[in-house]
Amino acid sequence: MLFTLTDLKQKEIVDTNTGVILGRADDIRFDSKTANVESVIIYGRPKLFGFLGRDGDLSVKFENITLIGKDAILVTSSETIELDDRKPRALSDKKREESREI
């Protein structure tokens, strides 16, 4: 099944380990040499309508996506990466739950 970036942007990304909704796919990162998708990027949530900035962006490796369904993207991952000025670092489970829990 083929999907466009617009199709992916309409789906929520759910971590199947914790049941937490991480957000919606906002962008993708791909390798220009192989044209393979490397990861899906989720932009951080705005703070006070964006006046106080926003949370850090999250990156989910494409190989950690287990299912792309009609309404959601299911991710099984022990590690989600928070992007901070393009320098990836691991996002702790506690911080992930606090920032993304609904």
PDB file of N, CA and C in Angstrom:
ATOM      1  N   MET A   1       0.842  -1.171   0.000  1.00  0.00           N
ATOM      2  CA  MET A   1       0.000   0.000   0.000  1.00  0.00           C
ATOM      3  C   MET A   1       0.893   1.242   0.000  1.00  0.00           C
ATOM      4  N   LEU A   2       0.555   2.199  -0.786  1.00  0.00           N
ATOM      5  CA  LEU A   2       1.326   3.428  -0.892  1.00  0.00           C
ATOM      6  C   LEU A   2       0.650   4.546  -0.117  1.00  0.00           C
ATOM      7  N   PHE A   3       1.471   5.384   0.523  1.00  0.00           N
ATOM      8  CA  PHE A   3       0.979   6.535   1.268  1.00  0.00           C
ATOM      9  C   PHE A   3       1.766   7.759   0.855  1.00  0.00           C
ATOM     10  N   THR A   4       1.095   8.898   0.858  1.00  0.00           N
ATOM     11  CA  THR A   4       1.783  10.160   0.642  1.00  0.00           C
ATOM     12  C   THR A   4       2.069  10.786   2.012  1.00  0.00           C
ATOM     13  N   LEU A   5       2.895  11.802   2.026  1.00  0.00           N
ATOM     14  CA  LEU A   5       3.177  12.513   3.270  1.00  0.00           C
ATOM     15  C   LEU A   5       1.898  13.144   3.818  1.00  0.00           C
ATOM     16  N   THR A   6       1.039  13.605   2.941  1.00  0.00           N
ATOM     17  CA  THR A   6      -0.238  14.176   3.373  1.00  0.00           C
ATOM     18  C   THR A   6      -1.080  13.119   4.080  1.00  0.00           C
ATOM     19  N   ASP A   7      -1.083  11.888   3.569  1.00  0.00           N
ATOM     20  CA  ASP A   7      -1.811  10.797   4.228  1.00  0.00           C
ATOM     21  C   ASP A   7      -1.242  10.537   5.617  1.00  0.00           C
ATOM     22  N   LEU A   8       0.094  10.520   5.721  1.00  0.00           N
ATOM     23  CA  LEU A   8       0.725  10.258   7.014  1.00  0.00           C
ATOM     24  C   LEU A   8       0.452  11.367   8.022  1.00  0.00           C
ATOM     25  N   LYS A   9       0.368  12.607   7.560  1.00  0.00           N
ATOM     26  CA  LYS A   9       0.137  13.735   8.458  1.00  0.00           C
ATOM     27  C   LYS A   9      -1.227  13.684   9.135  1.00  0.00           C
ATOM     28  N   GLN A  10      -2.157  12.947   8.570  1.00  0.00           N
ATOM     29  CA  GLN A  10      -3.494  12.864   9.131  1.00  0.00           C
ATOM     30  C   GLN A  10      -3.621  11.749  10.169  1.00  0.00           C
ATOM     31  N   LYS A  11      -2.574  10.972  10.375  1.00  0.00           N
ATOM     32  CA  LYS A  11      -2.636   9.827  11.281  1.00  0.00           C
ATOM     33  C   LYS A  11      -1.893  10.120  12.584  1.00  0.00           C
ATOM     34  N   GLU A  12      -2.474   9.660  13.691  1.00  0.00           N
ATOM     35  CA  GLU A  12      -1.805   9.792  14.974  1.00  0.00           C
ATOM     36  C   GLU A  12      -0.792   8.668  15.125  1.00  0.00           C
ATOM     37  N   ILE A  13       0.328   8.969  15.765  1.00  0.00           N
ATOM     38  CA  ILE A  13       1.360   7.961  16.016  1.00  0.00           C
ATOM     39  C   ILE A  13       1.223   7.517  17.462  1.00  0.00           C
ATOM     40  N   VAL A  14       1.037   6.205  17.657  1.00  0.00           N
ATOM     41  CA  VAL A  14       0.796   5.641  18.975  1.00  0.00           C
ATOM     42  C   VAL A  14       1.916   4.664  19.315  1.00  0.00           C
ATOM     43  N   ASP A  15       2.511   4.829  20.504  1.00  0.00           N
ATOM     44  CA  ASP A  15       3.518   3.899  21.003  1.00  0.00           C
ATOM     45  C   ASP A  15       2.788   2.708  21.613  1.00  0.00           C
ATOM     46  N   THR A  16       2.960   1.517  21.042  1.00  0.00           N
ATOM     47  CA  THR A  16       2.228   0.340  21.514  1.00  0.00           C
ATOM     48  C   THR A  16       2.760  -0.183  22.844  1.00  0.00           C
ATOM     49  N   ASN A  17       3.967   0.196  23.231  1.00  0.00           N
ATOM     50  CA  ASN A  17       4.510  -0.235  24.523  1.00  0.00           C
ATOM     51  C   ASN A  17       3.815   0.471  25.682  1.00  0.00           C
ATOM     52  N   THR A  18       3.520   1.753  25.503  1.00  0.00           N
ATOM     53  CA  THR A  18       2.950   2.550  26.596  1.00  0.00           C
ATOM     54  C   THR A  18       1.517   2.987  26.330  1.00  0.00           C
ATOM     55  N   GLY A  19       1.064   2.913  25.091  1.00  0.00           N
ATOM     56  CA  GLY A  19      -0.270   3.386  24.742  1.00  0.00           C
ATOM     57  C   GLY A  19      -0.361   4.888  24.603  1.00  0.00           C
ATOM     58  N   VAL A  20       0.763   5.572  24.645  1.00  0.00           N
ATOM     59  CA  VAL A  20       0.800   7.031  24.581  1.00  0.00           C
ATOM     60  C   VAL A  20       0.732   7.488  23.122  1.00  0.00           C
ATOM     61  N   ILE A  21      -0.102   8.489  22.875  1.00  0.00           N
ATOM     62  CA  ILE A  21      -0.151   9.111  21.554  1.00  0.00           C
ATOM     63  C   ILE A  21       1.006  10.102  21.482  1.00  0.00           C
ATOM     64  N   LEU A  22       1.942   9.861  20.583  1.00  0.00           N
ATOM     65  CA  LEU A  22       3.121  10.708  20.464  1.00  0.00           C
ATOM     66  C   LEU A  22       2.822  11.991  19.699  1.00  0.00           C
ATOM     67  N   GLY A  23       1.856  11.953  18.818  1.00  0.00           N
ATOM     68  CA  GLY A  23       1.505  13.116  18.007  1.00  0.00           C
ATOM     69  C   GLY A  23       1.175  12.676  16.594  1.00  0.00           C
ATOM     70  N   ARG A  24       1.250  13.601  15.681  1.00  0.00           N
ATOM     71  CA  ARG A  24       1.001  13.296  14.269  1.00  0.00           C
ATOM     72  C   ARG A  24       2.299  13.455  13.490  1.00  0.00           C
ATOM     73  N   ALA A  25       2.406  12.686  12.422  1.00  0.00           N
ATOM     74  CA  ALA A  25       3.595  12.766  11.565  1.00  0.00           C
ATOM     75  C   ALA A  25       3.602  14.126  10.873  1.00  0.00           C
ATOM     76  N   ASP A  26       4.672  14.884  11.072  1.00  0.00           N
ATOM     77  CA  ASP A  26       4.767  16.202  10.460  1.00  0.00           C
ATOM     78  C   ASP A  26       5.763  16.250   9.313  1.00  0.00           C
ATOM     79  N   ASP A  27       6.746  15.381   9.343  1.00  0.00           N
ATOM     80  CA  ASP A  27       7.795  15.418   8.334  1.00  0.00           C
ATOM     81  C   ASP A  27       8.452  14.049   8.281  1.00  0.00           C
ATOM     82  N   ILE A  28       9.257  13.824   7.272  1.00  0.00           N
ATOM     83  CA  ILE A  28      10.031  12.585   7.180  1.00  0.00           C
ATOM     84  C   ILE A  28      11.487  12.940   6.918  1.00  0.00           C
ATOM     85  N   ARG A  29      12.352  12.044   7.305  1.00  0.00           N
ATOM     86  CA  ARG A  29      13.780  12.192   7.024  1.00  0.00           C
ATOM     87  C   ARG A  29      14.171  11.000   6.151  1.00  0.00           C
ATOM     88  N   PHE A  30      14.809  11.271   5.031  1.00  0.00           N
ATOM     89  CA  PHE A  30      15.199  10.179   4.144  1.00  0.00           C
ATOM     90  C   PHE A  30      16.635  10.344   3.708  1.00  0.00           C
ATOM     91  N   ASP A  31      17.222   9.227   3.284  1.00  0.00           N
ATOM     92  CA  ASP A  31      18.597   9.190   2.798  1.00  0.00           C
ATOM     93  C   ASP A  31      18.564   9.521   1.311  1.00  0.00           C
ATOM     94  N   SER A  32      19.226  10.589   0.917  1.00  0.00           N
ATOM     95  CA  SER A  32      19.178  11.025  -0.478  1.00  0.00           C
ATOM     96  C   SER A  32      19.930  10.085  -1.411  1.00  0.00           C
ATOM     97  N   LYS A  33      20.857   9.300  -0.883  1.00  0.00           N
ATOM     98  CA  LYS A  33      21.604   8.369  -1.739  1.00  0.00           C
ATOM     99  C   LYS A  33      20.791   7.125  -2.072  1.00  0.00           C
ATOM    100  N   THR A  34      20.044   6.625  -1.094  1.00  0.00           N
ATOM    101  CA  THR A  34      19.280   5.397  -1.305  1.00  0.00           C
ATOM    102  C   THR A  34      17.791   5.649  -1.495  1.00  0.00           C
ATOM    103  N   ALA A  35      17.330   6.843  -1.219  1.00  0.00           N
ATOM    104  CA  ALA A  35      15.914   7.230  -1.293  1.00  0.00           C
ATOM    105  C   ALA A  35      15.053   6.429  -0.324  1.00  0.00           C
ATOM    106  N   ASN A  36      15.644   5.934   0.757  1.00  0.00           N
ATOM    107  CA  ASN A  36      14.900   5.218   1.791  1.00  0.00           C
ATOM    108  C   ASN A  36      14.497   6.173   2.902  1.00  0.00           C
ATOM    109  N   VAL A  37      13.285   5.984   3.424  1.00  0.00           N
ATOM    110  CA  VAL A  37      12.823   6.784   4.548  1.00  0.00           C
ATOM    111  C   VAL A  37      13.542   6.301   5.804  1.00  0.00           C
ATOM    112  N   GLU A  38      14.180   7.212   6.519  1.00  0.00           N
ATOM    113  CA  GLU A  38      14.929   6.870   7.727  1.00  0.00           C
ATOM    114  C   GLU A  38      14.067   7.012   8.979  1.00  0.00           C
ATOM    115  N   SER A  39      13.286   8.092   9.059  1.00  0.00           N
ATOM    116  CA  SER A  39      12.493   8.322  10.262  1.00  0.00           C
ATOM    117  C   SER A  39      11.322   9.252   9.958  1.00  0.00           C
ATOM    118  N   VAL A  40      10.370   9.226  10.878  1.00  0.00           N
ATOM    119  CA  VAL A  40       9.217  10.123  10.838  1.00  0.00           C
ATOM    120  C   VAL A  40       9.420  11.141  11.944  1.00  0.00           C
ATOM    121  N   ILE A  41       9.230  12.414  11.649  1.00  0.00           N
ATOM    122  CA  ILE A  41       9.451  13.483  12.615  1.00  0.00           C
ATOM    123  C   ILE A  41       8.102  14.029  13.089  1.00  0.00           C
ATOM    124  N   ILE A  42       7.989  14.178  14.406  1.00  0.00           N
ATOM    125  CA  ILE A  42       6.799  14.736  15.037  1.00  0.00           C
ATOM    126  C   ILE A  42       7.213  16.052  15.669  1.00  0.00           C
ATOM    127  N   TYR A  43       6.632  17.152  15.218  1.00  0.00           N
ATOM    128  CA  TYR A  43       6.964  18.454  15.790  1.00  0.00           C
ATOM    129  C   TYR A  43       6.431  18.548  17.214  1.00  0.00           C
ATOM    130  N   GLY A  44       7.162  19.241  18.070  1.00  0.00           N
ATOM    131  CA  GLY A  44       6.746  19.427  19.456  1.00  0.00           C
ATOM    132  C   GLY A  44       5.481  20.252  19.567  1.00  0.00           C
ATOM    133  N   ARG A  45       4.765  20.017  20.644  1.00  0.00           N
ATOM    134  CA  ARG A  45       3.524  20.760  20.876  1.00  0.00           C
ATOM    135  C   ARG A  45       3.825  22.199  21.266  1.00  0.00           C
ATOM    136  N   PRO A  46       3.047  23.144  20.742  1.00  0.00           N
ATOM    137  CA  PRO A  46       3.264  24.552  21.110  1.00  0.00           C
ATOM    138  C   PRO A  46       2.874  24.811  22.562  1.00  0.00           C
ATOM    139  N   LYS A  47       3.617  25.710  23.179  1.00  0.00           N
ATOM    140  CA  LYS A  47       3.316  26.137  24.549  1.00  0.00           C
ATOM    141  C   LYS A  47       2.627  27.495  24.478  1.00  0.00           C
ATOM    142  N   LEU A  48       1.465  27.607  25.096  1.00  0.00           N
ATOM    143  CA  LEU A  48       0.681  28.844  25.108  1.00  0.00           C
ATOM    144  C   LEU A  48       0.528  29.393  23.688  1.00  0.00           C
ATOM    145  N   PHE A  49      -0.058  28.564  22.835  1.00  0.00           N
ATOM    146  CA  PHE A  49      -0.334  28.911  21.442  1.00  0.00           C
ATOM    147  C   PHE A  49       0.923  29.293  20.659  1.00  0.00           C
ATOM    148  N   GLY A  50       2.069  28.809  21.086  1.00  0.00           N
ATOM    149  CA  GLY A  50       3.314  29.082  20.386  1.00  0.00           C
ATOM    150  C   GLY A  50       4.054  30.312  20.866  1.00  0.00           C
ATOM    151  N   PHE A  51       3.446  31.101  21.761  1.00  0.00           N
ATOM    152  CA  PHE A  51       4.106  32.310  22.252  1.00  0.00           C
ATOM    153  C   PHE A  51       5.315  31.978  23.119  1.00  0.00           C
ATOM    154  N   LEU A  52       5.291  30.831  23.787  1.00  0.00           N
ATOM    155  CA  LEU A  52       6.404  30.416  24.646  1.00  0.00           C
ATOM    156  C   LEU A  52       7.237  29.314  24.007  1.00  0.00           C
ATOM    157  N   GLY A  53       7.200  29.254  22.692  1.00  0.00           N
ATOM    158  CA  GLY A  53       7.951  28.226  21.985  1.00  0.00           C
ATOM    159  C   GLY A  53       7.160  26.936  21.917  1.00  0.00           C
ATOM    160  N   ARG A  54       7.891  25.832  21.846  1.00  0.00           N
ATOM    161  CA  ARG A  54       7.235  24.529  21.781  1.00  0.00           C
ATOM    162  C   ARG A  54       8.152  23.469  22.353  1.00  0.00           C
ATOM    163  N   ASP A  55       7.560  22.284  22.623  1.00  0.00           N
ATOM    164  CA  ASP A  55       8.348  21.153  23.103  1.00  0.00           C
ATOM    165  C   ASP A  55       9.290  20.699  21.998  1.00  0.00           C
ATOM    166  N   GLY A  56      10.248  19.870  22.358  1.00  0.00           N
ATOM    167  CA  GLY A  56      11.203  19.358  21.381  1.00  0.00           C
ATOM    168  C   GLY A  56      10.548  18.436  20.362  1.00  0.00           C
ATOM    169  N   ASP A  57      11.119  18.390  19.170  1.00  0.00           N
ATOM    170  CA  ASP A  57      10.634  17.494  18.128  1.00  0.00           C
ATOM    171  C   ASP A  57      11.030  16.062  18.451  1.00  0.00           C
ATOM    172  N   LEU A  58      10.215  15.110  18.007  1.00  0.00           N
ATOM    173  CA  LEU A  58      10.505  13.696  18.205  1.00  0.00           C
ATOM    174  C   LEU A  58      10.779  13.045  16.863  1.00  0.00           C
ATOM    175  N   SER A  59      11.652  12.053  16.864  1.00  0.00           N
ATOM    176  CA  SER A  59      11.968  11.304  15.661  1.00  0.00           C
ATOM    177  C   SER A  59      11.774   9.820  15.950  1.00  0.00           C
ATOM    178  N   VAL A  60      10.995   9.146  15.105  1.00  0.00           N
ATOM    179  CA  VAL A  60      10.743   7.715  15.251  1.00  0.00           C
ATOM    180  C   VAL A  60      11.361   7.024  14.045  1.00  0.00           C
ATOM    181  N   LYS A  61      12.273   6.094  14.291  1.00  0.00           N
ATOM    182  CA  LYS A  61      12.908   5.371  13.190  1.00  0.00           C
ATOM    183  C   LYS A  61      11.861   4.582  12.422  1.00  0.00           C
ATOM    184  N   PHE A  62      12.008   4.568  11.111  1.00  0.00           N
ATOM    185  CA  PHE A  62      11.011   3.935  10.262  1.00  0.00           C
ATOM    186  C   PHE A  62      10.916   2.433  10.512  1.00  0.00           C
ATOM    187  N   GLU A  63      12.020   1.800  10.873  1.00  0.00           N
ATOM    188  CA  GLU A  63      11.977   0.352  11.138  1.00  0.00           C
ATOM    189  C   GLU A  63      11.209   0.023  12.418  1.00  0.00           C
ATOM    190  N   ASN A  64      10.947   1.013  13.265  1.00  0.00           N
ATOM    191  CA  ASN A  64      10.165   0.789  14.485  1.00  0.00           C
ATOM    192  C   ASN A  64       8.665   0.915  14.256  1.00  0.00           C
ATOM    193  N   ILE A  65       8.256   1.286  13.063  1.00  0.00           N
ATOM    194  CA  ILE A  65       6.833   1.357  12.735  1.00  0.00           C
ATOM    195  C   ILE A  65       6.361  -0.046  12.420  1.00  0.00           C
ATOM    196  N   THR A  66       5.372  -0.527  13.191  1.00  0.00           N
ATOM    197  CA  THR A  66       4.875  -1.880  12.996  1.00  0.00           C
ATOM    198  C   THR A  66       3.658  -1.939  12.089  1.00  0.00           C
ATOM    199  N   LEU A  67       2.868  -0.866  12.061  1.00  0.00           N
ATOM    200  CA  LEU A  67       1.658  -0.882  11.249  1.00  0.00           C
ATOM    201  C   LEU A  67       1.248   0.543  10.905  1.00  0.00           C
ATOM    202  N   ILE A  68       0.909   0.755   9.641  1.00  0.00           N
ATOM    203  CA  ILE A  68       0.307   2.007   9.213  1.00  0.00           C
ATOM    204  C   ILE A  68      -1.131   1.674   8.856  1.00  0.00           C
ATOM    205  N   GLY A  69      -2.049   2.075   9.716  1.00  0.00           N
ATOM    206  CA  GLY A  69      -3.453   1.756   9.532  1.00  0.00           C
ATOM    207  C   GLY A  69      -4.233   2.898   8.933  1.00  0.00           C
ATOM    208  N   LYS A  70      -5.552   2.743   8.928  1.00  0.00           N
ATOM    209  CA  LYS A  70      -6.434   3.757   8.349  1.00  0.00           C
ATOM    210  C   LYS A  70      -6.405   5.050   9.155  1.00  0.00           C
ATOM    211  N   ASP A  71      -6.356   4.933  10.505  1.00  0.00           N
ATOM    212  CA  ASP A  71      -6.438   6.109  11.364  1.00  0.00           C
ATOM    213  C   ASP A  71      -5.176   6.402  12.162  1.00  0.00           C
ATOM    214  N   ALA A  72      -4.292   5.411  12.286  1.00  0.00           N
ATOM    215  CA  ALA A  72      -3.136   5.586  13.171  1.00  0.00           C
ATOM    216  C   ALA A  72      -1.918   4.836  12.640  1.00  0.00           C
ATOM    217  N   ILE A  73      -0.773   5.255  13.168  1.00  0.00           N
ATOM    218  CA  ILE A  73       0.495   4.578  12.911  1.00  0.00           C
ATOM    219  C   ILE A  73       0.949   3.989  14.238  1.00  0.00           C
ATOM    220  N   LEU A  74       1.135   2.675  14.274  1.00  0.00           N
ATOM    221  CA  LEU A  74       1.557   2.011  15.502  1.00  0.00           C
ATOM    222  C   LEU A  74       3.062   1.835  15.495  1.00  0.00           C
ATOM    223  N   VAL A  75       3.670   2.213  16.615  1.00  0.00           N
ATOM    224  CA  VAL A  75       5.124   2.180  16.759  1.00  0.00           C
ATOM    225  C   VAL A  75       5.481   1.321  17.955  1.00  0.00           C
ATOM    226  N   THR A  76       6.389   0.373  17.761  1.00  0.00           N
ATOM    227  CA  THR A  76       6.925  -0.391  18.872  1.00  0.00           C
ATOM    228  C   THR A  76       8.390  -0.010  18.979  1.00  0.00           C
ATOM    229  N   SER A  77       8.699   0.745  20.010  1.00  0.00           N
ATOM    230  CA  SER A  77      10.058   1.252  20.137  1.00  0.00           C
ATOM    231  C   SER A  77      10.414   1.411  21.598  1.00  0.00           C
ATOM    232  N   SER A  78      11.596   0.965  21.943  1.00  0.00           N
ATOM    233  CA  SER A  78      12.083   1.195  23.291  1.00  0.00           C
ATOM    234  C   SER A  78      12.761   2.555  23.377  1.00  0.00           C
ATOM    235  N   GLU A  79      12.958   3.175  22.231  1.00  0.00           N
ATOM    236  CA  GLU A  79      13.685   4.448  22.210  1.00  0.00           C
ATOM    237  C   GLU A  79      13.059   5.389  21.183  1.00  0.00           C
ATOM    238  N   THR A  80      12.642   6.539  21.647  1.00  0.00           N
ATOM    239  CA  THR A  80      12.196   7.617  20.770  1.00  0.00           C
ATOM    240  C   THR A  80      13.233   8.716  20.912  1.00  0.00           C
ATOM    241  N   ILE A  81      13.591   9.339  19.827  1.00  0.00           N
ATOM    242  CA  ILE A  81      14.650  10.344  19.835  1.00  0.00           C
ATOM    243  C   ILE A  81      14.039  11.738  19.835  1.00  0.00           C
ATOM    244  N   GLU A  82      14.516  12.582  20.757  1.00  0.00           N
ATOM    245  CA  GLU A  82      14.106  13.983  20.767  1.00  0.00           C
ATOM    246  C   GLU A  82      15.160  14.773  20.011  1.00  0.00           C
ATOM    247  N   LEU A  83      14.722  15.557  19.048  1.00  0.00           N
ATOM    248  CA  LEU A  83      15.643  16.365  18.257  1.00  0.00           C
ATOM    249  C   LEU A  83      15.768  17.742  18.883  1.00  0.00           C
ATOM    250  N   ASP A  84      16.984  18.140  19.189  1.00  0.00           N
ATOM    251  CA  ASP A  84      17.240  19.443  19.778  1.00  0.00           C
ATOM    252  C   ASP A  84      18.332  20.101  18.957  1.00  0.00           C
ATOM    253  N   ASP A  85      17.956  21.071  18.143  1.00  0.00           N
ATOM    254  CA  ASP A  85      18.896  21.743  17.244  1.00  0.00           C
ATOM    255  C   ASP A  85      19.632  20.742  16.359  1.00  0.00           C
ATOM    256  N   ARG A  86      18.872  19.743  15.863  1.00  0.00           N
ATOM    257  CA  ARG A  86      19.390  18.732  14.946  1.00  0.00           C
ATOM    258  C   ARG A  86      20.407  17.787  15.576  1.00  0.00           C
ATOM    259  N   LYS A  87      20.516  17.783  16.927  1.00  0.00           N
ATOM    260  CA  LYS A  87      21.384  16.842  17.619  1.00  0.00           C
ATOM    261  C   LYS A  87      20.483  15.835  18.333  1.00  0.00           C
ATOM    262  N   PRO A  88      20.387  14.595  17.827  1.00  0.00           N
ATOM    263  CA  PRO A  88      19.475  13.633  18.457  1.00  0.00           C
ATOM    264  C   PRO A  88      19.974  13.160  19.812  1.00  0.00           C
ATOM    265  N   ARG A  89      19.014  12.955  20.737  1.00  0.00           N
ATOM    266  CA  ARG A  89      19.331  12.364  22.033  1.00  0.00           C
ATOM    267  C   ARG A  89      18.139  11.545  22.483  1.00  0.00           C
ATOM    268  N   ALA A  90      18.383  10.551  23.292  1.00  0.00           N
ATOM    269  CA  ALA A  90      17.297   9.668  23.719  1.00  0.00           C
ATOM    270  C   ALA A  90      16.351  10.412  24.647  1.00  0.00           C
ATOM    271  N   LEU A  91      15.069  10.169  24.485  1.00  0.00           N
ATOM    272  CA  LEU A  91      14.039  10.770  25.321  1.00  0.00           C
ATOM    273  C   LEU A  91      13.678   9.769  26.406  1.00  0.00           C
ATOM    274  N   SER A  92      13.800  10.178  27.646  1.00  0.00           N
ATOM    275  CA  SER A  92      13.510   9.268  28.750  1.00  0.00           C
ATOM    276  C   SER A  92      12.030   8.932  28.788  1.00  0.00           C
ATOM    277  N   ASP A  93      11.705   7.760  29.324  1.00  0.00           N
ATOM    278  CA  ASP A  93      10.315   7.324  29.410  1.00  0.00           C
ATOM    279  C   ASP A  93       9.485   8.282  30.242  1.00  0.00           C
ATOM    280  N   LYS A  94      10.028   8.776  31.358  1.00  0.00           N
ATOM    281  CA  LYS A  94       9.282   9.673  32.231  1.00  0.00           C
ATOM    282  C   LYS A  94       8.960  10.981  31.513  1.00  0.00           C
ATOM    283  N   LYS A  95       9.942  11.547  30.834  1.00  0.00           N
ATOM    284  CA  LYS A  95       9.717  12.801  30.128  1.00  0.00           C
ATOM    285  C   LYS A  95       8.732  12.594  28.991  1.00  0.00           C
ATOM    286  N   ARG A  96       8.806  11.454  28.287  1.00  0.00           N
ATOM    287  CA  ARG A  96       7.890  11.162  27.197  1.00  0.00           C
ATOM    288  C   ARG A  96       6.455  11.098  27.713  1.00  0.00           C
ATOM    289  N   GLU A  97       6.254  10.435  28.845  1.00  0.00           N
ATOM    290  CA  GLU A  97       4.907  10.311  29.415  1.00  0.00           C
ATOM    291  C   GLU A  97       4.375  11.669  29.859  1.00  0.00           C
ATOM    292  N   GLU A  98       5.224  12.493  30.465  1.00  0.00           N
ATOM    293  CA  GLU A  98       4.785  13.799  30.944  1.00  0.00           C
ATOM    294  C   GLU A  98       4.422  14.719  29.795  1.00  0.00           C
ATOM    295  N   SER A  99       5.222  14.707  28.727  1.00  0.00           N
ATOM    296  CA  SER A  99       5.013  15.670  27.652  1.00  0.00           C
ATOM    297  C   SER A  99       3.966  15.228  26.637  1.00  0.00           C
ATOM    298  N   ARG A 100       3.703  13.942  26.545  1.00  0.00           N
ATOM    299  CA  ARG A 100       2.809  13.464  25.497  1.00  0.00           C
ATOM    300  C   ARG A 100       1.545  12.792  26.009  1.00  0.00           C
ATOM    301  N   GLU A 101       1.380  12.719  27.333  1.00  0.00           N
ATOM    302  CA  GLU A 101       0.224  12.039  27.867  1.00  0.00           C
ATOM    303  C   GLU A 101      -1.029  12.876  27.673  1.00  0.00           C
ATOM    304  N   ILE A 102      -2.090  12.216  27.295  1.00  0.00           N
ATOM    305  CA  ILE A 102      -3.346  12.931  27.048  1.00  0.00           C
ATOM    306  C   ILE A 102      -4.330  12.608  28.129  1.00  0.00           C
TER     307      ILE A 102
END
